[in-house]
């Protein structure tokens, strides 16, 4: 999936993106817990927090329908091929 001789760069980019995602998710988890009212002694808002987390986890599945499906033919047409197909032979 990546260009030849760029495997290390792509792997480093993916790992740094995953690392950043873990850091951001930690902060968002704390913000969500304080929003729903979960504290060290009171877990009454935990079911609502888990529901919000589950919905946010499933959102990318619905957004995946926005990804365009581009199909390539595998070879490009040359200008001479296109011009010759447009002309009719008279017999």
PDB file of N, CA and C in Angstrom:
ATOM      1  N   UNK A   1       0.801  -1.204   0.000  1.00  0.00           N
ATOM      2  CA  UNK A   1       0.000   0.000   0.000  1.00  0.00           C
ATOM      3  C   UNK A   1       0.846   1.273   0.000  1.00  0.00           C
ATOM      4  N   UNK A   2       2.090   1.161   0.394  1.00  0.00           N
ATOM      5  CA  UNK A   2       2.938   2.350   0.416  1.00  0.00           C
ATOM      6  C   UNK A   2       3.944   2.271  -0.735  1.00  0.00           C
ATOM      7  N   UNK A   3       4.465   3.431  -1.154  1.00  0.00           N
ATOM      8  CA  UNK A   3       5.434   3.436  -2.254  1.00  0.00           C
ATOM      9  C   UNK A   3       6.686   2.651  -1.883  1.00  0.00           C
ATOM     10  N   UNK A   4       7.372   2.100  -2.884  1.00  0.00           N
ATOM     11  CA  UNK A   4       8.595   1.341  -2.610  1.00  0.00           C
ATOM     12  C   UNK A   4       9.648   2.208  -1.919  1.00  0.00           C
ATOM     13  N   UNK A   5      10.392   1.602  -1.015  1.00  0.00           N
ATOM     14  CA  UNK A   5      11.476   2.214  -0.260  1.00  0.00           C
ATOM     15  C   UNK A   5      10.997   3.323   0.685  1.00  0.00           C
ATOM     16  N   UNK A   6       9.712   3.360   0.997  1.00  0.00           N
ATOM     17  CA  UNK A   6       9.178   4.327   1.967  1.00  0.00           C
ATOM     18  C   UNK A   6       8.508   3.631   3.141  1.00  0.00           C
ATOM     19  N   UNK A   7       8.762   2.351   3.304  1.00  0.00           N
ATOM     20  CA  UNK A   7       8.079   1.577   4.326  1.00  0.00           C
ATOM     21  C   UNK A   7       8.384   2.090   5.731  1.00  0.00           C
ATOM     22  N   UNK A   8       9.637   2.445   5.975  1.00  0.00           N
ATOM     23  CA  UNK A   8      10.025   2.946   7.299  1.00  0.00           C
ATOM     24  C   UNK A   8       9.347   4.255   7.628  1.00  0.00           C
ATOM     25  N   UNK A   9       9.256   5.147   6.655  1.00  0.00           N
ATOM     26  CA  UNK A   9       8.603   6.434   6.864  1.00  0.00           C
ATOM     27  C   UNK A   9       7.119   6.257   7.167  1.00  0.00           C
ATOM     28  N   UNK A  10       6.474   5.385   6.414  1.00  0.00           N
ATOM     29  CA  UNK A  10       5.044   5.145   6.629  1.00  0.00           C
ATOM     30  C   UNK A  10       4.811   4.504   7.996  1.00  0.00           C
ATOM     31  N   UNK A  11       5.673   3.564   8.372  1.00  0.00           N
ATOM     32  CA  UNK A  11       5.543   2.919   9.681  1.00  0.00           C
ATOM     33  C   UNK A  11       5.752   3.915  10.811  1.00  0.00           C
ATOM     34  N   UNK A  12       6.734   4.800  10.680  1.00  0.00           N
ATOM     35  CA  UNK A  12       6.981   5.815  11.707  1.00  0.00           C
ATOM     36  C   UNK A  12       5.807   6.784  11.810  1.00  0.00           C
ATOM     37  N   UNK A  13       5.219   7.154  10.661  1.00  0.00           N
ATOM     38  CA  UNK A  13       4.072   8.058  10.678  1.00  0.00           C
ATOM     39  C   UNK A  13       2.876   7.407  11.365  1.00  0.00           C
ATOM     40  N   UNK A  14       2.621   6.137  11.045  1.00  0.00           N
ATOM     41  CA  UNK A  14       1.483   5.436  11.650  1.00  0.00           C
ATOM     42  C   UNK A  14       1.679   5.304  13.163  1.00  0.00           C
ATOM     43  N   UNK A  15       2.885   4.968  13.587  1.00  0.00           N
ATOM     44  CA  UNK A  15       3.137   4.809  15.024  1.00  0.00           C
ATOM     45  C   UNK A  15       3.025   6.146  15.761  1.00  0.00           C
ATOM     46  N   UNK A  16       3.476   7.233  15.145  1.00  0.00           N
ATOM     47  CA  UNK A  16       3.339   8.526  15.809  1.00  0.00           C
ATOM     48  C   UNK A  16       1.876   8.957  15.860  1.00  0.00           C
ATOM     49  N   UNK A  17       1.095   8.629  14.829  1.00  0.00           N
ATOM     50  CA  UNK A  17      -0.330   8.948  14.843  1.00  0.00           C
ATOM     51  C   UNK A  17      -1.055   8.155  15.923  1.00  0.00           C
ATOM     52  N   UNK A  18      -0.686   6.892  16.095  1.00  0.00           N
ATOM     53  CA  UNK A  18      -1.292   6.073  17.143  1.00  0.00           C
ATOM     54  C   UNK A  18      -0.923   6.603  18.522  1.00  0.00           C
ATOM     55  N   UNK A  19       0.326   7.007  18.693  1.00  0.00           N
ATOM     56  CA  UNK A  19       0.769   7.562  19.967  1.00  0.00           C
ATOM     57  C   UNK A  19       0.009   8.848  20.299  1.00  0.00           C
ATOM     58  N   UNK A  20      -0.150   9.714  19.321  1.00  0.00           N
ATOM     59  CA  UNK A  20      -0.911  10.945  19.532  1.00  0.00           C
ATOM     60  C   UNK A  20      -2.367  10.636  19.866  1.00  0.00           C
ATOM     61  N   UNK A  21      -2.933   9.620  19.205  1.00  0.00           N
ATOM     62  CA  UNK A  21      -4.325   9.246  19.472  1.00  0.00           C
ATOM     63  C   UNK A  21      -4.500   8.747  20.900  1.00  0.00           C
ATOM     64  N   UNK A  22      -3.525   7.994  21.419  1.00  0.00           N
ATOM     65  CA  UNK A  22      -3.615   7.530  22.806  1.00  0.00           C
ATOM     66  C   UNK A  22      -3.557   8.694  23.789  1.00  0.00           C
ATOM     67  N   UNK A  23      -2.718   9.682  23.524  1.00  0.00           N
ATOM     68  CA  UNK A  23      -2.617  10.839  24.407  1.00  0.00           C
ATOM     69  C   UNK A  23      -3.918  11.632  24.397  1.00  0.00           C
ATOM     70  N   UNK A  24      -4.439  11.896  23.205  1.00  0.00           N
ATOM     71  CA  UNK A  24      -5.673  12.682  23.091  1.00  0.00           C
ATOM     72  C   UNK A  24      -6.848  11.924  23.699  1.00  0.00           C
ATOM     73  N   UNK A  25      -6.908  10.599  23.498  1.00  0.00           N
ATOM     74  CA  UNK A  25      -8.025   9.834  24.049  1.00  0.00           C
ATOM     75  C   UNK A  25      -7.999   9.820  25.570  1.00  0.00           C
ATOM     76  N   UNK A  26      -6.811   9.883  26.163  1.00  0.00           N
ATOM     77  CA  UNK A  26      -6.728   9.960  27.625  1.00  0.00           C
ATOM     78  C   UNK A  26      -7.349  11.241  28.155  1.00  0.00           C
ATOM     79  N   UNK A  27      -7.023  12.355  27.501  1.00  0.00           N
ATOM     80  CA  UNK A  27      -7.604  13.635  27.914  1.00  0.00           C
ATOM     81  C   UNK A  27      -9.109  13.674  27.657  1.00  0.00           C
ATOM     82  N   UNK A  28      -9.548  13.132  26.527  1.00  0.00           N
ATOM     83  CA  UNK A  28     -10.983  13.119  26.246  1.00  0.00           C
ATOM     84  C   UNK A  28     -11.741  12.195  27.196  1.00  0.00           C
ATOM     85  N   UNK A  29     -11.099  11.119  27.635  1.00  0.00           N
ATOM     86  CA  UNK A  29     -11.730  10.231  28.611  1.00  0.00           C
ATOM     87  C   UNK A  29     -11.946  10.916  29.951  1.00  0.00           C
ATOM     88  N   UNK A  30     -10.966  11.703  30.371  1.00  0.00           N
ATOM     89  CA  UNK A  30     -11.109  12.462  31.627  1.00  0.00           C
ATOM     90  C   UNK A  30     -12.204  13.502  31.480  1.00  0.00           C
ATOM     91  N   UNK A  31     -12.255  14.170  30.314  1.00  0.00           N
ATOM     92  CA  UNK A  31     -13.298  15.183  30.087  1.00  0.00           C
ATOM     93  C   UNK A  31     -14.679  14.541  30.067  1.00  0.00           C
ATOM     94  N   UNK A  32     -14.802  13.372  29.448  1.00  0.00           N
ATOM     95  CA  UNK A  32     -16.092  12.679  29.413  1.00  0.00           C
ATOM     96  C   UNK A  32     -16.520  12.235  30.805  1.00  0.00           C
ATOM     97  N   UNK A  33     -15.577  11.736  31.583  1.00  0.00           N
ATOM     98  CA  UNK A  33     -15.908  11.298  32.944  1.00  0.00           C
ATOM     99  C   UNK A  33     -16.387  12.467  33.796  1.00  0.00           C
ATOM    100  N   UNK A  34     -15.754  13.617  33.666  1.00  0.00           N
ATOM    101  CA  UNK A  34     -16.206  14.764  34.451  1.00  0.00           C
ATOM    102  C   UNK A  34     -17.532  15.299  33.916  1.00  0.00           C
ATOM    103  N   UNK A  35     -17.793  15.154  32.601  1.00  0.00           N
ATOM    104  CA  UNK A  35     -19.058  15.612  32.022  1.00  0.00           C
ATOM    105  C   UNK A  35     -20.240  14.784  32.519  1.00  0.00           C
ATOM    106  N   UNK A  36     -20.076  13.456  32.581  1.00  0.00           N
ATOM    107  CA  UNK A  36     -21.192  12.598  33.006  1.00  0.00           C
ATOM    108  C   UNK A  36     -21.267  12.457  34.517  1.00  0.00           C
ATOM    109  N   UNK A  37     -20.290  12.975  35.238  1.00  0.00           N
ATOM    110  CA  UNK A  37     -20.360  12.984  36.692  1.00  0.00           C
ATOM    111  C   UNK A  37     -19.749  11.778  37.369  1.00  0.00           C
ATOM    112  N   UNK A  38     -18.790  11.149  36.739  1.00  0.00           N
ATOM    113  CA  UNK A  38     -18.109  10.008  37.355  1.00  0.00           C
ATOM    114  C   UNK A  38     -16.950  10.537  38.181  1.00  0.00           C
ATOM    115  N   UNK A  39     -16.929  10.179  39.458  1.00  0.00           N
ATOM    116  CA  UNK A  39     -15.831  10.564  40.345  1.00  0.00           C
ATOM    117  C   UNK A  39     -15.277   9.295  40.993  1.00  0.00           C
ATOM    118  N   UNK A  40     -14.312   9.462  41.874  1.00  0.00           N
ATOM    119  CA  UNK A  40     -13.720   8.321  42.555  1.00  0.00           C
ATOM    120  C   UNK A  40     -14.690   7.614  43.479  1.00  0.00           C
ATOM    121  N   UNK A  41     -15.699   8.320  43.953  1.00  0.00           N
ATOM    122  CA  UNK A  41     -16.661   7.742  44.893  1.00  0.00           C
ATOM    123  C   UNK A  41     -18.047   7.512  44.290  1.00  0.00           C
ATOM    124  N   UNK A  42     -18.349   8.176  43.183  1.00  0.00           N
ATOM    125  CA  UNK A  42     -19.694   8.127  42.602  1.00  0.00           C
ATOM    126  C   UNK A  42     -19.609   7.645  41.154  1.00  0.00           C
ATOM    127  N   UNK A  43     -20.126   6.449  40.906  1.00  0.00           N
ATOM    128  CA  UNK A  43     -20.123   5.882  39.561  1.00  0.00           C
ATOM    129  C   UNK A  43     -21.517   5.876  38.936  1.00  0.00           C
ATOM    130  N   UNK A  44     -22.382   6.763  39.361  1.00  0.00           N
ATOM    131  CA  UNK A  44     -23.759   6.751  38.872  1.00  0.00           C
ATOM    132  C   UNK A  44     -23.853   7.153  37.401  1.00  0.00           C
ATOM    133  N   UNK A  45     -22.927   7.933  36.890  1.00  0.00           N
ATOM    134  CA  UNK A  45     -22.976   8.345  35.483  1.00  0.00           C
ATOM    135  C   UNK A  45     -22.211   7.418  34.547  1.00  0.00           C
ATOM    136  N   UNK A  46     -21.692   6.325  35.081  1.00  0.00           N
ATOM    137  CA  UNK A  46     -20.881   5.415  34.275  1.00  0.00           C
ATOM    138  C   UNK A  46     -21.647   4.784  33.106  1.00  0.00           C
ATOM    139  N   UNK A  47     -22.889   4.306  33.280  1.00  0.00           N
ATOM    140  CA  UNK A  47     -23.603   3.737  32.121  1.00  0.00           C
ATOM    141  C   UNK A  47     -23.791   4.748  30.989  1.00  0.00           C
ATOM    142  N   UNK A  48     -24.095   5.987  31.336  1.00  0.00           N
ATOM    143  CA  UNK A  48     -24.256   7.018  30.309  1.00  0.00           C
ATOM    144  C   UNK A  48     -22.926   7.305  29.617  1.00  0.00           C
ATOM    145  N   UNK A  49     -21.836   7.316  30.361  1.00  0.00           N
ATOM    146  CA  UNK A  49     -20.514   7.530  29.783  1.00  0.00           C
ATOM    147  C   UNK A  49     -20.114   6.399  28.856  1.00  0.00           C
ATOM    148  N   UNK A  50     -20.431   5.159  29.250  1.00  0.00           N
ATOM    149  CA  UNK A  50     -20.135   4.017  28.395  1.00  0.00           C
ATOM    150  C   UNK A  50     -20.959   4.045  27.114  1.00  0.00           C
ATOM    151  N   UNK A  51     -22.202   4.495  27.205  1.00  0.00           N
ATOM    152  CA  UNK A  51     -23.049   4.613  26.023  1.00  0.00           C
ATOM    153  C   UNK A  51     -22.495   5.665  25.061  1.00  0.00           C
ATOM    154  N   UNK A  52     -22.077   6.800  25.591  1.00  0.00           N
ATOM    155  CA  UNK A  52     -21.482   7.850  24.759  1.00  0.00           C
ATOM    156  C   UNK A  52     -20.206   7.344  24.093  1.00  0.00           C
ATOM    157  N   UNK A  53     -19.401   6.616  24.840  1.00  0.00           N
ATOM    158  CA  UNK A  53     -18.160   6.069  24.291  1.00  0.00           C
ATOM    159  C   UNK A  53     -18.448   5.053  23.181  1.00  0.00           C
ATOM    160  N   UNK A  54     -19.445   4.214  23.361  1.00  0.00           N
ATOM    161  CA  UNK A  54     -19.790   3.219  22.337  1.00  0.00           C
ATOM    162  C   UNK A  54     -20.293   3.888  21.060  1.00  0.00           C
ATOM    163  N   UNK A  55     -21.111   4.922  21.207  1.00  0.00           N
ATOM    164  CA  UNK A  55     -21.610   5.641  20.027  1.00  0.00           C
ATOM    165  C   UNK A  55     -20.459   6.312  19.283  1.00  0.00           C
ATOM    166  N   UNK A  56     -19.535   6.919  20.021  1.00  0.00           N
ATOM    167  CA  UNK A  56     -18.388   7.569  19.383  1.00  0.00           C
ATOM    168  C   UNK A  56     -17.459   6.555  18.722  1.00  0.00           C
ATOM    169  N   UNK A  57     -17.424   5.341  19.233  1.00  0.00           N
ATOM    170  CA  UNK A  57     -16.609   4.296  18.621  1.00  0.00           C
ATOM    171  C   UNK A  57     -17.212   3.839  17.299  1.00  0.00           C
ATOM    172  N   UNK A  58     -18.534   3.836  17.196  1.00  0.00           N
ATOM    173  CA  UNK A  58     -19.208   3.381  15.985  1.00  0.00           C
ATOM    174  C   UNK A  58     -19.346   4.457  14.912  1.00  0.00           C
ATOM    175  N   UNK A  59     -19.103   5.710  15.236  1.00  0.00           N
ATOM    176  CA  UNK A  59     -19.244   6.788  14.261  1.00  0.00           C
ATOM    177  C   UNK A  59     -18.383   6.605  13.015  1.00  0.00           C
ATOM    178  N   UNK A  60     -17.126   6.182  13.105  1.00  0.00           N
ATOM    179  CA  UNK A  60     -16.347   6.008  11.874  1.00  0.00           C
ATOM    180  C   UNK A  60     -16.927   4.988  10.908  1.00  0.00           C
ATOM    181  N   UNK A  61     -17.691   4.024  11.396  1.00  0.00           N
ATOM    182  CA  UNK A  61     -18.326   3.053  10.501  1.00  0.00           C
ATOM    183  C   UNK A  61     -19.329   3.765   9.598  1.00  0.00           C
ATOM    184  N   UNK A  62     -20.086   4.691  10.148  1.00  0.00           N
ATOM    185  CA  UNK A  62     -21.054   5.426   9.348  1.00  0.00           C
ATOM    186  C   UNK A  62     -20.359   6.423   8.422  1.00  0.00           C
ATOM    187  N   UNK A  63     -19.254   7.017   8.874  1.00  0.00           N
ATOM    188  CA  UNK A  63     -18.512   7.957   8.033  1.00  0.00           C
ATOM    189  C   UNK A  63     -17.776   7.266   6.900  1.00  0.00           C
ATOM    190  N   UNK A  64     -17.553   5.971   6.986  1.00  0.00           N
ATOM    191  CA  UNK A  64     -16.830   5.273   5.929  1.00  0.00           C
ATOM    192  C   UNK A  64     -17.611   5.276   4.613  1.00  0.00           C
ATOM    193  N   UNK A  65     -18.902   5.518   4.659  1.00  0.00           N
ATOM    194  CA  UNK A  65     -19.670   5.609   3.419  1.00  0.00           C
ATOM    195  C   UNK A  65     -19.332   6.874   2.637  1.00  0.00           C
ATOM    196  N   UNK A  66     -18.669   7.835   3.258  1.00  0.00           N
ATOM    197  CA  UNK A  66     -18.267   9.067   2.577  1.00  0.00           C
ATOM    198  C   UNK A  66     -16.979   8.898   1.775  1.00  0.00           C
ATOM    199  N   UNK A  67     -16.288   7.777   1.935  1.00  0.00           N
ATOM    200  CA  UNK A  67     -15.051   7.537   1.202  1.00  0.00           C
ATOM    201  C   UNK A  67     -15.402   7.160  -0.228  1.00  0.00           C
ATOM    202  N   UNK A  68     -14.790   7.853  -1.171  1.00  0.00           N
ATOM    203  CA  UNK A  68     -15.081   7.602  -2.572  1.00  0.00           C
ATOM    204  C   UNK A  68     -14.442   6.300  -3.033  1.00  0.00           C
ATOM    205  N   UNK A  69     -15.133   5.578  -3.877  1.00  0.00           N
ATOM    206  CA  UNK A  69     -14.624   4.334  -4.439  1.00  0.00           C
ATOM    207  C   UNK A  69     -14.107   4.639  -5.842  1.00  0.00           C
ATOM    208  N   UNK A  70     -12.800   4.739  -5.973  1.00  0.00           N
ATOM    209  CA  UNK A  70     -12.187   5.066  -7.258  1.00  0.00           C
ATOM    210  C   UNK A  70     -11.640   3.775  -7.850  1.00  0.00           C
ATOM    211  N   UNK A  71     -12.143   3.419  -9.005  1.00  0.00           N
ATOM    212  CA  UNK A  71     -11.682   2.214  -9.682  1.00  0.00           C
ATOM    213  C   UNK A  71     -10.831   2.630 -10.875  1.00  0.00           C
ATOM    214  N   UNK A  72      -9.634   2.092 -10.951  1.00  0.00           N
ATOM    215  CA  UNK A  72      -8.769   2.397 -12.089  1.00  0.00           C
ATOM    216  C   UNK A  72      -8.811   1.246 -13.079  1.00  0.00           C
ATOM    217  N   UNK A  73      -8.605   1.569 -14.345  1.00  0.00           N
ATOM    218  CA  UNK A  73      -8.661   0.545 -15.388  1.00  0.00           C
ATOM    219  C   UNK A  73      -7.353  -0.213 -15.501  1.00  0.00           C
ATOM    220  N   UNK A  74      -6.306   0.306 -14.932  1.00  0.00           N
ATOM    221  CA  UNK A  74      -5.036  -0.403 -14.966  1.00  0.00           C
ATOM    222  C   UNK A  74      -4.088   0.100 -16.026  1.00  0.00           C
ATOM    223  N   UNK A  75      -4.603   0.647 -17.133  1.00  0.00           N
ATOM    224  CA  UNK A  75      -3.715   1.221 -18.138  1.00  0.00           C
ATOM    225  C   UNK A  75      -4.370   2.472 -18.710  1.00  0.00           C
ATOM    226  N   UNK A  76      -3.534   3.395 -19.104  1.00  0.00           N
ATOM    227  CA  UNK A  76      -4.017   4.665 -19.624  1.00  0.00           C
ATOM    228  C   UNK A  76      -4.179   4.571 -21.132  1.00  0.00           C
ATOM    229  N   UNK A  77      -5.166   5.254 -21.647  1.00  0.00           N
ATOM    230  CA  UNK A  77      -5.367   5.290 -23.089  1.00  0.00           C
ATOM    231  C   UNK A  77      -4.460   6.357 -23.690  1.00  0.00           C
ATOM    232  N   UNK A  78      -3.880   6.019 -24.805  1.00  0.00           N
ATOM    233  CA  UNK A  78      -3.061   6.995 -25.507  1.00  0.00           C
ATOM    234  C   UNK A  78      -3.954   7.831 -26.398  1.00  0.00           C
ATOM    235  N   UNK A  79      -3.489   9.027 -26.748  1.00  0.00           N
ATOM    236  CA  UNK A  79      -4.272   9.906 -27.614  1.00  0.00           C
ATOM    237  C   UNK A  79      -4.537   9.263 -28.968  1.00  0.00           C
ATOM    238  N   UNK A  80      -3.581   8.519 -29.521  1.00  0.00           N
ATOM    239  CA  UNK A  80      -3.779   7.886 -30.820  1.00  0.00           C
ATOM    240  C   UNK A  80      -4.862   6.807 -30.741  1.00  0.00           C
ATOM    241  N   UNK A  81      -4.947   6.092 -29.627  1.00  0.00           N
ATOM    242  CA  UNK A  81      -5.983   5.075 -29.463  1.00  0.00           C
ATOM    243  C   UNK A  81      -7.368   5.703 -29.408  1.00  0.00           C
ATOM    244  N   UNK A  82      -7.467   6.825 -28.722  1.00  0.00           N
ATOM    245  CA  UNK A  82      -8.755   7.503 -28.584  1.00  0.00           C
ATOM    246  C   UNK A  82      -9.182   8.079 -29.916  1.00  0.00           C
ATOM    247  N   UNK A  83      -8.250   8.657 -30.680  1.00  0.00           N
ATOM    248  CA  UNK A  83      -8.582   9.255 -31.976  1.00  0.00           C
ATOM    249  C   UNK A  83      -8.977   8.194 -32.994  1.00  0.00           C
ATOM    250  N   UNK A  84      -8.277   7.055 -32.968  1.00  0.00           N
ATOM    251  CA  UNK A  84      -8.592   6.002 -33.937  1.00  0.00           C
ATOM    252  C   UNK A  84      -9.944   5.357 -33.656  1.00  0.00           C
ATOM    253  N   UNK A  85     -10.357   5.312 -32.439  1.00  0.00           N
ATOM    254  CA  UNK A  85     -11.665   4.753 -32.107  1.00  0.00           C
ATOM    255  C   UNK A  85     -12.788   5.689 -32.513  1.00  0.00           C
ATOM    256  N   UNK A  86     -12.501   6.961 -32.569  1.00  0.00           N
ATOM    257  CA  UNK A  86     -13.521   7.941 -32.930  1.00  0.00           C
ATOM    258  C   UNK A  86     -13.795   7.992 -34.421  1.00  0.00           C
ATOM    259  N   UNK A  87     -12.848   7.547 -35.266  1.00  0.00           N
ATOM    260  CA  UNK A  87     -13.005   7.584 -36.715  1.00  0.00           C
ATOM    261  C   UNK A  87     -13.655   6.297 -37.199  1.00  0.00           C
ATOM    262  N   UNK A  88     -14.538   6.418 -38.178  1.00  0.00           N
ATOM    263  CA  UNK A  88     -15.174   5.252 -38.783  1.00  0.00           C
ATOM    264  C   UNK A  88     -14.484   4.971 -40.111  1.00  0.00           C
ATOM    265  N   UNK A  89     -14.317   3.699 -40.422  1.00  0.00           N
ATOM    266  CA  UNK A  89     -13.731   3.301 -41.697  1.00  0.00           C
ATOM    267  C   UNK A  89     -14.836   3.145 -42.725  1.00  0.00           C
ATOM    268  N   UNK A  90     -14.657   3.775 -43.855  1.00  0.00           N
ATOM    269  CA  UNK A  90     -15.616   3.652 -44.944  1.00  0.00           C
ATOM    270  C   UNK A  90     -15.127   2.618 -45.926  1.00  0.00           C
ATOM    271  N   UNK A  91     -15.903   1.625 -46.249  1.00  0.00           N
ATOM    272  CA  UNK A  91     -15.535   0.593 -47.222  1.00  0.00           C
ATOM    273  C   UNK A  91     -16.322   0.750 -48.472  1.00  0.00           C
TER     274      UNK A  91
END
